[in-house]
N, C-alpha and C. Protein backbone atom coordinates (compact mmCIF):
# COMPACT_ATOMS: atom_id res chain seq x y z
N MET A 1 103.52 132.89 114.68
CA MET A 1 102.30 132.16 113.95
C MET A 1 102.67 130.74 113.43
N LYS A 2 104.02 130.62 112.99
CA LYS A 2 104.15 129.38 112.99
C LYS A 2 103.61 128.30 113.83
N THR A 3 104.08 128.48 114.96
CA THR A 3 103.65 127.75 116.27
C THR A 3 102.19 127.32 116.24
N LEU A 4 101.55 128.59 115.87
CA LEU A 4 99.92 128.58 116.08
C LEU A 4 99.50 127.64 114.81
N ASN A 5 100.24 127.91 113.42
CA ASN A 5 99.84 126.88 112.58
C ASN A 5 99.97 125.45 113.01
N LYS A 6 100.91 125.02 113.18
CA LYS A 6 101.49 123.60 113.81
C LYS A 6 100.46 123.30 114.76
N SER A 7 99.85 123.89 115.94
CA SER A 7 98.91 123.66 116.65
C SER A 7 97.77 123.35 116.04
N ILE A 8 97.38 124.22 115.25
CA ILE A 8 96.03 123.71 114.52
C ILE A 8 96.15 122.49 113.58
N VAL A 9 97.01 122.44 113.06
CA VAL A 9 97.17 121.14 112.03
C VAL A 9 97.22 119.95 112.85
N SER A 10 97.96 120.22 114.15
CA SER A 10 98.16 118.57 114.72
C SER A 10 96.57 118.75 115.64
N ALA A 11 95.76 119.74 115.74
CA ALA A 11 94.72 119.55 116.32
C ALA A 11 93.28 118.77 115.50
N ILE A 12 93.53 119.34 114.12
CA ILE A 12 92.47 118.66 112.94
C ILE A 12 92.97 117.38 112.74
N LEU A 13 94.16 116.96 112.83
CA LEU A 13 94.64 115.62 112.59
C LEU A 13 93.93 114.81 113.22
N PHE A 14 94.29 115.07 114.48
CA PHE A 14 93.53 114.21 115.65
C PHE A 14 91.97 114.38 115.81
N LEU A 15 91.40 115.18 115.29
CA LEU A 15 89.97 115.01 115.07
C LEU A 15 89.48 114.01 113.64
N VAL A 16 90.34 114.51 112.84
CA VAL A 16 90.27 113.56 111.77
C VAL A 16 90.20 111.99 112.07
N VAL A 17 91.32 111.87 112.84
CA VAL A 17 91.11 110.41 113.32
C VAL A 17 90.22 109.87 114.37
N ILE A 18 89.68 110.55 115.24
CA ILE A 18 88.66 110.46 116.26
C ILE A 18 87.37 110.39 115.55
N LEU A 19 86.93 111.33 114.58
CA LEU A 19 85.41 111.44 113.96
C LEU A 19 85.51 110.58 112.72
N PHE A 20 86.37 110.17 112.42
CA PHE A 20 86.10 109.32 111.05
C PHE A 20 87.08 108.09 111.19
N PRO A 21 87.10 107.12 112.50
CA PRO A 21 87.86 105.86 112.40
C PRO A 21 87.67 104.79 111.41
N ASN A 22 86.08 104.69 110.67
CA ASN A 22 85.89 103.66 109.75
C ASN A 22 86.73 104.23 108.41
N LYS A 23 86.85 105.26 108.38
CA LYS A 23 87.05 105.77 106.93
C LYS A 23 88.48 105.53 106.80
N ALA A 24 89.17 106.13 107.77
CA ALA A 24 90.45 106.43 108.09
C ALA A 24 91.51 104.97 108.15
N ASN A 25 90.87 103.92 108.60
CA ASN A 25 91.42 102.85 109.09
C ASN A 25 91.31 101.50 108.13
N SER A 26 89.80 101.50 108.25
CA SER A 26 89.50 100.24 107.76
C SER A 26 88.54 100.62 106.69
N GLN A 27 88.01 101.43 106.25
CA GLN A 27 87.66 101.46 104.63
C GLN A 27 86.22 100.79 104.62
N VAL A 28 85.43 100.68 105.54
CA VAL A 28 84.41 99.91 106.10
C VAL A 28 83.11 100.53 104.93
N THR A 29 83.32 102.09 104.73
CA THR A 29 82.00 102.37 103.95
C THR A 29 82.69 103.45 102.79
N ASP A 30 82.08 103.37 101.40
CA ASP A 30 82.36 103.93 100.36
C ASP A 30 81.87 105.34 100.39
N ASN A 31 80.93 105.55 101.38
CA ASN A 31 80.05 106.92 101.40
C ASN A 31 80.79 108.14 102.03
N GLY A 32 81.77 108.28 102.81
CA GLY A 32 82.30 109.05 103.68
C GLY A 32 83.61 109.52 102.76
N TYR A 33 83.92 110.75 103.17
CA TYR A 33 85.14 111.22 102.33
C TYR A 33 85.91 112.27 103.32
N ILE A 34 87.41 112.18 103.22
CA ILE A 34 88.22 113.28 104.15
C ILE A 34 89.04 113.94 103.02
N ASN A 35 89.13 115.17 103.21
CA ASN A 35 90.32 115.98 102.14
C ASN A 35 91.05 116.91 103.04
N VAL A 36 92.17 116.74 102.63
CA VAL A 36 93.23 117.26 103.63
C VAL A 36 94.19 118.07 102.61
N ASP A 37 94.22 119.26 102.25
CA ASP A 37 94.91 120.07 101.34
C ASP A 37 95.60 121.48 101.68
N TRP A 38 96.80 121.68 101.15
CA TRP A 38 97.21 123.08 100.81
C TRP A 38 96.47 123.58 100.29
N GLN A 39 96.81 125.01 101.03
CA GLN A 39 95.46 126.21 100.32
C GLN A 39 96.45 127.09 100.09
N PHE A 40 96.21 127.81 98.89
CA PHE A 40 96.64 129.08 98.35
C PHE A 40 95.54 130.33 97.96
N ASN A 41 95.92 131.05 99.20
CA ASN A 41 94.96 132.28 99.21
C ASN A 41 95.39 133.63 99.03
N MET A 42 94.52 134.20 98.05
CA MET A 42 94.63 135.83 97.69
C MET A 42 93.24 136.54 98.27
N PRO A 43 93.67 137.64 99.26
CA PRO A 43 92.63 138.44 99.62
C PRO A 43 92.52 139.78 98.18
N ILE A 44 90.92 139.46 98.12
CA ILE A 44 90.66 140.79 97.16
C ILE A 44 90.52 142.10 97.56
N LYS A 45 91.16 143.07 97.06
CA LYS A 45 90.92 144.56 97.51
C LYS A 45 90.28 144.64 98.96
N THR A 46 91.05 144.18 99.86
CA THR A 46 90.54 144.38 101.37
C THR A 46 91.42 145.67 101.82
N GLY A 47 92.25 146.19 100.95
CA GLY A 47 92.97 147.34 101.23
C GLY A 47 94.46 147.36 102.31
N PHE A 48 94.26 145.72 102.85
CA PHE A 48 95.27 145.37 103.85
C PHE A 48 95.79 144.01 103.33
N ALA A 49 97.02 143.85 103.21
CA ALA A 49 97.69 142.72 103.27
C ALA A 49 97.33 141.67 102.06
N ASP A 50 97.05 142.45 100.90
CA ASP A 50 96.59 141.94 99.82
C ASP A 50 97.35 141.14 98.95
N LYS A 51 98.44 140.76 99.32
CA LYS A 51 99.54 139.97 98.61
C LYS A 51 99.08 138.37 98.75
N ALA A 52 99.01 137.44 97.59
CA ALA A 52 98.91 136.15 97.87
C ALA A 52 99.67 135.23 98.30
N SER A 53 99.40 134.50 98.79
CA SER A 53 100.21 133.34 99.79
C SER A 53 99.85 131.89 99.72
N GLY A 54 100.96 130.98 100.00
CA GLY A 54 100.51 129.50 100.33
C GLY A 54 100.64 129.26 101.51
N TRP A 55 100.73 129.92 102.49
CA TRP A 55 100.62 129.77 104.07
C TRP A 55 99.14 129.78 104.43
N GLY A 56 99.03 128.18 104.08
CA GLY A 56 97.67 127.96 104.52
C GLY A 56 97.13 126.31 104.26
N MET A 57 96.01 125.68 104.88
CA MET A 57 95.61 124.33 104.71
C MET A 57 94.06 124.39 104.66
N SER A 58 93.58 123.36 104.45
CA SER A 58 92.13 122.97 104.59
C SER A 58 91.70 121.45 105.14
N PHE A 59 90.78 121.66 105.76
CA PHE A 59 90.41 120.15 105.99
C PHE A 59 88.88 119.99 106.17
N GLU A 60 88.46 118.94 105.36
CA GLU A 60 87.53 118.93 105.18
C GLU A 60 86.65 117.31 105.21
N GLY A 61 85.71 116.81 106.00
CA GLY A 61 85.14 115.56 106.25
C GLY A 61 83.73 115.41 106.18
N GLY A 62 83.34 114.59 105.15
CA GLY A 62 81.98 114.28 105.35
C GLY A 62 81.12 113.10 104.69
N TYR A 63 79.84 112.93 104.43
CA TYR A 63 79.23 111.93 104.30
C TYR A 63 78.36 111.95 102.92
N TYR A 64 78.00 111.07 102.16
CA TYR A 64 77.42 111.41 100.91
C TYR A 64 76.02 110.51 101.35
N ILE A 65 74.68 111.20 101.64
CA ILE A 65 73.64 110.50 101.90
C ILE A 65 72.81 110.15 100.60
N THR A 66 73.42 110.57 99.43
CA THR A 66 72.96 109.83 98.28
C THR A 66 74.14 109.90 97.66
N LYS A 67 74.17 109.22 96.23
CA LYS A 67 75.46 108.85 95.59
C LYS A 67 75.77 110.26 95.01
N ASN A 68 75.04 111.19 95.10
CA ASN A 68 75.51 112.74 94.55
C ASN A 68 75.55 113.57 95.60
N ILE A 69 75.09 113.69 96.53
CA ILE A 69 74.62 114.99 97.44
C ILE A 69 75.45 114.47 98.64
N GLY A 70 76.61 115.19 99.09
CA GLY A 70 77.38 115.11 100.69
C GLY A 70 77.02 116.24 101.38
N LEU A 71 77.37 115.86 102.76
CA LEU A 71 77.19 116.60 103.70
C LEU A 71 78.24 116.57 104.67
N GLY A 72 78.84 117.91 105.35
CA GLY A 72 80.12 117.56 106.01
C GLY A 72 80.42 118.83 106.86
N MET A 73 81.56 118.78 107.27
CA MET A 73 81.79 120.23 108.17
C MET A 73 83.73 120.25 107.53
N PHE A 74 84.12 121.55 108.13
CA PHE A 74 85.32 122.03 107.04
C PHE A 74 85.90 122.77 108.17
N MET A 75 87.18 122.75 107.89
CA MET A 75 88.03 124.32 108.58
C MET A 75 89.29 124.42 107.71
N THR A 76 89.35 125.79 107.93
CA THR A 76 90.88 126.14 107.02
C THR A 76 91.66 127.13 107.49
N TYR A 77 92.68 127.46 107.40
CA TYR A 77 93.27 128.27 107.80
C TYR A 77 94.27 129.16 106.67
N SER A 78 94.64 130.51 106.92
CA SER A 78 95.50 130.98 106.00
C SER A 78 96.29 132.42 106.73
N THR A 79 97.04 132.64 106.00
CA THR A 79 97.90 133.63 106.55
C THR A 79 98.44 134.83 105.17
N ASN A 80 98.24 135.82 105.19
CA ASN A 80 98.62 136.34 104.10
C ASN A 80 99.50 137.93 104.70
N ASN A 81 100.77 138.47 104.23
CA ASN A 81 101.39 139.44 104.71
C ASN A 81 101.57 140.22 103.49
N ASP A 82 102.02 141.45 103.97
CA ASP A 82 102.24 142.33 102.63
C ASP A 82 103.02 143.53 103.61
N TYR A 83 104.19 143.96 102.83
CA TYR A 83 105.22 144.95 103.08
C TYR A 83 104.58 146.37 102.74
N VAL A 84 104.67 147.17 103.58
CA VAL A 84 104.08 148.75 103.20
C VAL A 84 105.34 149.63 103.40
N GLU A 85 105.76 149.99 102.59
CA GLU A 85 106.80 151.33 102.69
C GLU A 85 106.49 152.19 103.35
N ARG A 86 107.63 153.04 104.01
CA ARG A 86 107.59 153.86 105.04
C ARG A 86 106.66 155.04 104.43
N GLN A 87 105.98 155.62 105.43
CA GLN A 87 104.93 156.76 105.20
C GLN A 87 104.32 157.18 106.31
N THR A 88 103.77 158.25 106.40
CA THR A 88 103.29 159.31 107.62
C THR A 88 101.87 158.89 107.60
N MET A 89 101.48 158.62 108.62
CA MET A 89 100.06 158.31 108.79
C MET A 89 99.43 159.24 109.99
N MET A 90 98.69 159.93 109.76
CA MET A 90 97.59 161.00 110.92
C MET A 90 96.85 160.05 111.54
N LEU A 91 97.22 159.76 112.53
CA LEU A 91 96.42 159.07 113.48
C LEU A 91 95.31 159.55 114.26
N THR A 92 95.74 160.85 114.72
CA THR A 92 94.27 161.86 115.20
C THR A 92 94.95 163.25 114.52
N GLU A 93 93.80 164.35 114.92
CA GLU A 93 94.01 165.54 114.62
C GLU A 93 95.48 166.30 114.99
N THR A 94 96.32 165.56 116.26
CA THR A 94 97.16 166.35 116.69
C THR A 94 98.58 165.46 116.93
N SER A 95 98.33 164.01 116.02
CA SER A 95 99.26 163.10 116.06
C SER A 95 99.63 162.42 115.02
N ALA A 96 100.80 162.04 114.83
CA ALA A 96 100.84 161.47 113.53
C ALA A 96 102.37 160.43 113.60
N LEU A 97 102.45 159.08 112.72
CA LEU A 97 103.45 158.49 112.69
C LEU A 97 103.97 158.02 111.66
N THR A 98 105.20 158.16 111.53
CA THR A 98 105.95 157.86 110.53
C THR A 98 107.02 156.55 110.36
N THR A 99 106.30 155.58 109.44
CA THR A 99 107.11 154.29 109.67
C THR A 99 106.96 153.40 108.51
N ASP A 100 107.88 152.64 108.20
CA ASP A 100 107.54 151.31 107.21
C ASP A 100 106.52 150.23 108.18
N GLN A 101 105.82 149.32 107.47
CA GLN A 101 105.25 148.26 108.23
C GLN A 101 105.01 146.86 107.35
N MET A 102 104.54 145.95 108.31
CA MET A 102 104.21 144.51 107.67
C MET A 102 103.08 144.33 108.14
N HIS A 103 102.15 144.29 106.95
CA HIS A 103 100.39 143.98 107.62
C HIS A 103 100.46 142.35 107.52
N SER A 104 99.59 141.89 108.15
CA SER A 104 99.12 140.41 108.10
C SER A 104 97.71 140.09 108.48
N ILE A 105 97.00 139.51 107.66
CA ILE A 105 96.09 138.91 108.13
C ILE A 105 95.70 137.18 108.19
N PHE A 106 95.69 136.66 109.61
CA PHE A 106 95.34 135.46 109.64
C PHE A 106 93.66 135.17 109.61
N GLN A 107 93.39 134.03 108.90
CA GLN A 107 92.25 133.94 108.87
C GLN A 107 91.74 132.23 109.00
N LEU A 108 90.72 132.01 109.78
CA LEU A 108 90.49 130.68 110.32
C LEU A 108 88.91 130.42 110.41
N PRO A 109 88.20 130.11 109.27
CA PRO A 109 87.13 129.82 109.01
C PRO A 109 86.67 128.51 109.35
N PHE A 110 85.52 128.14 109.92
CA PHE A 110 85.04 126.56 110.10
C PHE A 110 83.49 126.83 109.96
N GLY A 111 82.87 125.67 109.62
CA GLY A 111 81.22 125.35 109.74
C GLY A 111 81.10 124.02 108.94
N VAL A 112 79.97 124.37 107.98
CA VAL A 112 79.24 123.09 107.73
C VAL A 112 79.41 123.10 106.02
N SER A 113 79.22 122.01 105.34
CA SER A 113 79.72 122.10 103.79
C SER A 113 78.57 121.07 103.37
N ALA A 114 77.98 121.42 101.94
CA ALA A 114 77.37 120.59 101.26
C ALA A 114 77.97 120.40 99.89
N ARG A 115 77.84 119.49 98.91
CA ARG A 115 78.46 119.26 97.91
C ARG A 115 77.44 118.16 96.81
N TYR A 116 77.48 118.65 95.71
CA TYR A 116 76.82 117.84 94.89
C TYR A 116 77.86 117.40 93.61
N ARG A 117 78.26 115.92 93.85
CA ARG A 117 79.34 115.32 92.60
C ARG A 117 78.49 114.96 91.50
N PHE A 118 78.97 114.91 90.63
CA PHE A 118 78.37 114.76 88.99
C PHE A 118 78.43 113.31 88.59
N LEU A 119 79.50 112.42 88.82
CA LEU A 119 80.16 111.17 88.26
C LEU A 119 80.41 110.34 89.64
N PRO A 120 79.23 110.22 90.04
CA PRO A 120 79.56 109.35 91.67
C PRO A 120 80.27 108.07 91.04
N ASP A 121 80.21 107.36 90.00
CA ASP A 121 80.86 105.97 89.84
C ASP A 121 81.86 106.09 89.06
N ALA A 122 82.44 107.34 88.45
CA ALA A 122 83.98 107.36 87.71
C ALA A 122 84.74 107.41 88.71
N ILE A 123 86.10 107.10 88.20
CA ILE A 123 87.49 107.43 88.85
C ILE A 123 87.50 109.21 89.14
N VAL A 124 87.18 109.78 87.90
CA VAL A 124 87.18 111.60 88.09
C VAL A 124 85.86 111.57 88.37
N LYS A 125 85.56 112.56 89.74
CA LYS A 125 84.51 112.97 90.10
C LYS A 125 84.75 114.50 90.58
N PRO A 126 84.04 114.93 89.45
CA PRO A 126 83.99 116.77 89.30
C PRO A 126 82.65 116.62 90.81
N TYR A 127 82.71 118.18 91.12
CA TYR A 127 81.65 118.37 91.97
C TYR A 127 81.46 119.98 92.19
N VAL A 128 80.58 120.68 92.74
CA VAL A 128 80.30 121.92 93.27
C VAL A 128 79.93 121.75 94.75
N ALA A 129 80.37 122.88 95.39
CA ALA A 129 80.06 122.74 97.29
C ALA A 129 79.85 124.25 97.41
N LEU A 130 79.34 124.32 98.52
CA LEU A 130 79.04 125.58 99.21
C LEU A 130 79.37 125.45 100.88
N LYS A 131 80.20 126.19 101.52
CA LYS A 131 80.62 126.10 102.50
C LYS A 131 79.96 127.38 103.51
N LEU A 132 79.14 126.91 104.68
CA LEU A 132 78.75 128.34 105.41
C LEU A 132 79.63 128.03 106.74
N GLY A 133 79.85 129.40 107.43
CA GLY A 133 80.22 129.17 109.02
C GLY A 133 80.70 130.33 109.60
N THR A 134 81.43 130.40 110.19
CA THR A 134 82.07 131.19 111.09
C THR A 134 83.57 131.56 110.71
N GLU A 135 83.95 132.92 110.85
CA GLU A 135 85.47 133.02 110.52
C GLU A 135 86.04 133.83 111.84
N TYR A 136 87.03 133.35 112.20
CA TYR A 136 88.29 134.22 113.19
C TYR A 136 88.87 134.69 112.44
N SER A 137 89.25 136.08 112.66
CA SER A 137 90.33 136.82 111.49
C SER A 137 91.11 137.57 112.82
N LYS A 138 92.64 137.97 112.46
CA LYS A 138 92.99 138.57 112.96
C LYS A 138 94.22 139.56 111.95
N LEU A 139 93.80 140.84 112.11
CA LEU A 139 94.86 141.68 111.37
C LEU A 139 95.64 142.13 111.93
N SER A 140 97.22 142.45 111.82
CA SER A 140 97.85 143.10 112.48
C SER A 140 98.70 143.97 111.76
N SER A 141 99.45 144.82 111.87
CA SER A 141 100.36 145.92 111.36
C SER A 141 101.46 145.73 112.53
N TYR A 142 102.47 145.36 111.85
CA TYR A 142 104.03 145.22 112.80
C TYR A 142 105.01 146.47 112.30
N TYR A 143 105.61 147.50 112.91
CA TYR A 143 106.33 148.45 112.94
C TYR A 143 107.24 148.73 113.90
N ASN A 144 108.29 148.93 113.71
CA ASN A 144 109.62 149.10 114.42
C ASN A 144 109.62 147.78 115.72
N SER A 145 109.36 148.09 116.92
CA SER A 145 109.35 146.97 117.69
C SER A 145 107.81 147.05 118.38
N PHE A 146 106.88 147.70 117.52
CA PHE A 146 105.74 147.39 118.10
C PHE A 146 104.53 146.72 117.12
N SER A 147 103.43 146.89 117.43
CA SER A 147 102.44 146.33 116.75
C SER A 147 101.15 146.73 117.16
N SER A 148 100.08 147.01 116.32
CA SER A 148 99.02 147.05 116.23
C SER A 148 97.97 146.15 115.89
N SER A 149 97.01 145.60 116.24
CA SER A 149 95.92 144.21 115.80
C SER A 149 94.46 144.74 116.43
N ASP A 150 93.70 143.62 115.45
CA ASP A 150 92.63 143.58 115.70
C ASP A 150 91.91 142.38 115.60
N LYS A 151 91.26 141.72 116.30
CA LYS A 151 90.38 140.38 116.43
C LYS A 151 89.04 140.10 116.31
N ASN A 152 88.49 139.38 115.63
CA ASN A 152 86.86 139.67 115.56
C ASN A 152 86.53 138.47 115.06
N TRP A 153 85.01 138.38 114.95
CA TRP A 153 84.60 137.34 114.37
C TRP A 153 83.28 137.62 113.15
N GLY A 154 83.03 136.77 112.36
CA GLY A 154 82.34 137.37 111.42
C GLY A 154 81.47 135.92 110.74
N PHE A 155 80.58 136.19 109.64
CA PHE A 155 79.69 135.34 108.86
C PHE A 155 80.69 134.68 107.56
N TYR A 156 80.66 133.60 107.32
CA TYR A 156 81.81 133.28 106.16
C TYR A 156 80.87 132.31 105.24
N ILE A 157 80.90 132.38 104.19
CA ILE A 157 80.48 131.67 102.77
C ILE A 157 81.34 131.64 101.70
N CYS A 158 81.31 130.63 101.23
CA CYS A 158 82.37 130.15 100.19
C CYS A 158 81.65 129.11 98.85
N PRO A 159 81.58 129.67 97.99
CA PRO A 159 81.37 128.65 96.92
C PRO A 159 82.46 127.83 96.37
N GLU A 160 82.80 126.53 95.99
CA GLU A 160 83.84 125.86 95.54
C GLU A 160 83.54 125.15 94.37
N VAL A 161 84.49 124.90 93.20
CA VAL A 161 83.97 123.98 92.32
C VAL A 161 85.50 123.05 92.35
N GLY A 162 85.38 121.82 92.27
CA GLY A 162 86.40 121.08 92.34
C GLY A 162 86.19 119.49 91.54
N THR A 163 87.51 118.92 91.96
CA THR A 163 87.09 117.25 91.44
C THR A 163 88.40 116.33 92.23
N THR A 164 87.84 115.21 92.28
CA THR A 164 88.71 114.08 92.98
C THR A 164 89.05 113.36 91.94
N ILE A 165 90.18 112.77 91.64
CA ILE A 165 90.97 111.79 90.80
C ILE A 165 91.45 110.80 91.61
N TYR A 166 91.08 109.48 91.41
CA TYR A 166 91.49 108.44 92.05
C TYR A 166 92.56 107.86 91.40
N PHE A 167 93.50 107.36 92.11
CA PHE A 167 94.76 106.54 91.42
C PHE A 167 94.55 105.46 91.33
N THR A 168 93.48 104.53 92.11
CA THR A 168 93.28 103.41 91.18
C THR A 168 91.62 102.60 91.53
N SER A 169 91.35 101.90 90.62
CA SER A 169 90.08 101.33 90.53
C SER A 169 89.10 101.55 92.40
N SER A 170 90.21 101.08 93.30
CA SER A 170 89.59 100.85 94.56
C SER A 170 89.00 102.32 94.97
N GLN A 171 89.26 103.36 94.47
CA GLN A 171 88.96 104.74 95.16
C GLN A 171 89.25 104.81 96.75
N LYS A 172 90.59 104.70 97.19
CA LYS A 172 90.56 104.74 98.38
C LYS A 172 91.49 105.94 98.65
N VAL A 173 92.20 106.42 98.08
CA VAL A 173 93.43 107.71 97.92
C VAL A 173 93.00 108.20 96.45
N GLY A 174 92.87 109.52 96.48
CA GLY A 174 92.87 110.37 95.29
C GLY A 174 93.24 111.76 95.51
N LEU A 175 93.50 112.39 94.24
CA LEU A 175 94.20 113.59 94.17
C LEU A 175 93.41 114.55 94.38
N HIS A 176 92.96 115.65 95.12
CA HIS A 176 91.63 116.62 95.20
C HIS A 176 92.44 117.89 94.86
N ILE A 177 91.54 118.38 93.74
CA ILE A 177 91.87 120.04 93.19
C ILE A 177 90.34 120.88 93.58
N ALA A 178 90.91 122.05 93.89
CA ALA A 178 89.69 122.80 93.91
C ALA A 178 89.83 124.47 93.76
N LEU A 179 89.00 124.88 93.26
CA LEU A 179 88.92 126.44 93.08
C LEU A 179 87.61 127.10 94.18
N TYR A 180 88.37 128.00 94.75
CA TYR A 180 87.18 128.63 95.88
C TYR A 180 87.23 130.40 95.60
N TYR A 181 85.80 130.84 96.08
CA TYR A 181 85.86 132.10 96.55
C TYR A 181 85.27 132.14 97.78
N SER A 182 85.53 133.12 98.53
CA SER A 182 84.89 133.13 99.93
C SER A 182 84.82 134.77 100.64
N TYR A 183 83.83 134.93 101.23
CA TYR A 183 83.61 136.10 101.76
C TYR A 183 83.04 135.92 103.21
N ALA A 184 83.90 137.08 104.30
CA ALA A 184 83.42 136.91 105.58
C ALA A 184 83.09 138.25 105.74
N THR A 185 82.32 138.48 106.96
CA THR A 185 81.57 139.73 107.05
C THR A 185 82.47 140.61 108.29
N ASN A 186 83.61 139.90 108.53
CA ASN A 186 84.62 140.63 109.70
C ASN A 186 84.99 142.29 109.14
N LYS A 187 85.03 142.94 110.63
CA LYS A 187 85.21 144.48 110.05
C LYS A 187 86.49 144.62 111.29
N SER A 188 87.27 145.30 110.91
CA SER A 188 88.35 145.65 111.39
C SER A 188 88.91 147.32 111.35
N ASP A 189 89.50 147.60 112.35
CA ASP A 189 90.23 149.17 112.31
C ASP A 189 91.63 148.83 112.99
N VAL A 190 92.79 148.77 112.24
CA VAL A 190 93.92 149.11 112.51
C VAL A 190 94.91 150.57 112.30
N LEU A 191 95.12 150.99 113.11
CA LEU A 191 95.79 152.36 112.81
C LEU A 191 94.96 152.99 112.15
N ILE A 192 95.24 153.53 110.68
CA ILE A 192 94.18 154.25 109.83
C ILE A 192 93.43 153.43 108.78
N TYR A 193 93.67 152.05 108.87
CA TYR A 193 92.91 151.05 108.09
C TYR A 193 91.80 150.53 108.45
N ASP A 194 90.57 150.73 107.79
CA ASP A 194 89.34 150.39 108.12
C ASP A 194 88.92 149.27 107.15
N VAL A 195 88.92 148.05 107.68
CA VAL A 195 88.38 146.72 106.58
C VAL A 195 86.97 146.39 107.13
N LYS A 196 86.09 146.34 105.95
CA LYS A 196 84.78 146.07 105.89
C LYS A 196 84.59 144.81 104.97
N GLY A 197 84.53 143.57 105.60
CA GLY A 197 84.55 142.24 104.88
C GLY A 197 85.86 141.81 104.18
N ILE A 198 85.77 140.64 104.07
CA ILE A 198 87.16 140.04 103.73
C ILE A 198 86.91 139.33 102.34
N ASN A 199 87.43 139.41 101.12
CA ASN A 199 87.11 138.59 99.94
C ASN A 199 88.08 137.88 99.67
N ASN A 200 88.05 136.66 99.68
CA ASN A 200 89.31 135.81 99.00
C ASN A 200 89.00 135.17 97.77
N SER A 201 90.06 134.99 97.08
CA SER A 201 89.92 133.35 95.95
C SER A 201 91.11 132.91 96.21
N GLY A 202 91.12 131.57 95.64
CA GLY A 202 92.26 130.62 95.80
C GLY A 202 92.17 129.26 95.27
N PHE A 203 93.27 128.54 95.50
CA PHE A 203 92.87 127.10 95.05
C PHE A 203 93.33 126.04 96.12
N ARG A 204 92.98 124.81 96.48
CA ARG A 204 93.27 124.01 96.86
C ARG A 204 93.77 122.66 96.30
N LEU A 205 94.89 121.89 96.96
CA LEU A 205 95.24 120.79 96.40
C LEU A 205 95.95 120.09 97.45
N GLY A 206 95.46 118.75 97.08
CA GLY A 206 95.71 117.89 98.34
C GLY A 206 95.32 116.38 97.89
N LEU A 207 95.32 115.55 99.30
CA LEU A 207 94.37 114.24 99.00
C LEU A 207 93.12 113.91 99.51
N SER A 208 92.36 113.29 98.76
CA SER A 208 91.03 112.60 99.58
C SER A 208 91.12 111.43 99.85
N PHE A 209 90.74 111.19 101.06
CA PHE A 209 90.64 109.72 101.47
C PHE A 209 88.89 109.11 101.66
């Protein structure tokens, strides 16, 4: 999983440099934005790996078509793990499994975003945003030397409220803070666990360029 996370980070940073060269290098326009954030994520009542975790990041880039309205694209990923104590599970009417488990949810949503910022000319720029797209998820249960998993895709929606606080009046680099709630329609069956939809809440903290 750590190798996968490193590969995703490398790919996103490469895309940022390719897709936003003017903003990243020469600061030609003040209308573009890039956010690179650490993400703290907590699944809500999924019944599977609901423990909060800081194993995640968020990447977003876009352009303000007016002083207040911005459109862009995003990609995030997160991993949540939870230990389940030893128990006996009835897999079928004639078979059972007794073991402890480590549950894991890996989520990778990406898509388009729209935001409205309230104070476009201020150093502190609060905003509200909505992100829509698709999510790839993998739910896994690890027990003894075995594992069971289910991979799937679903629709993703994420309202967000946040702010960017710039360090200087030039507004080239700022601190980005955001709170979010997300829902994905992904459905999974792992052993005796039936997950129908994945709810999350959390926060993002990073830099805005």
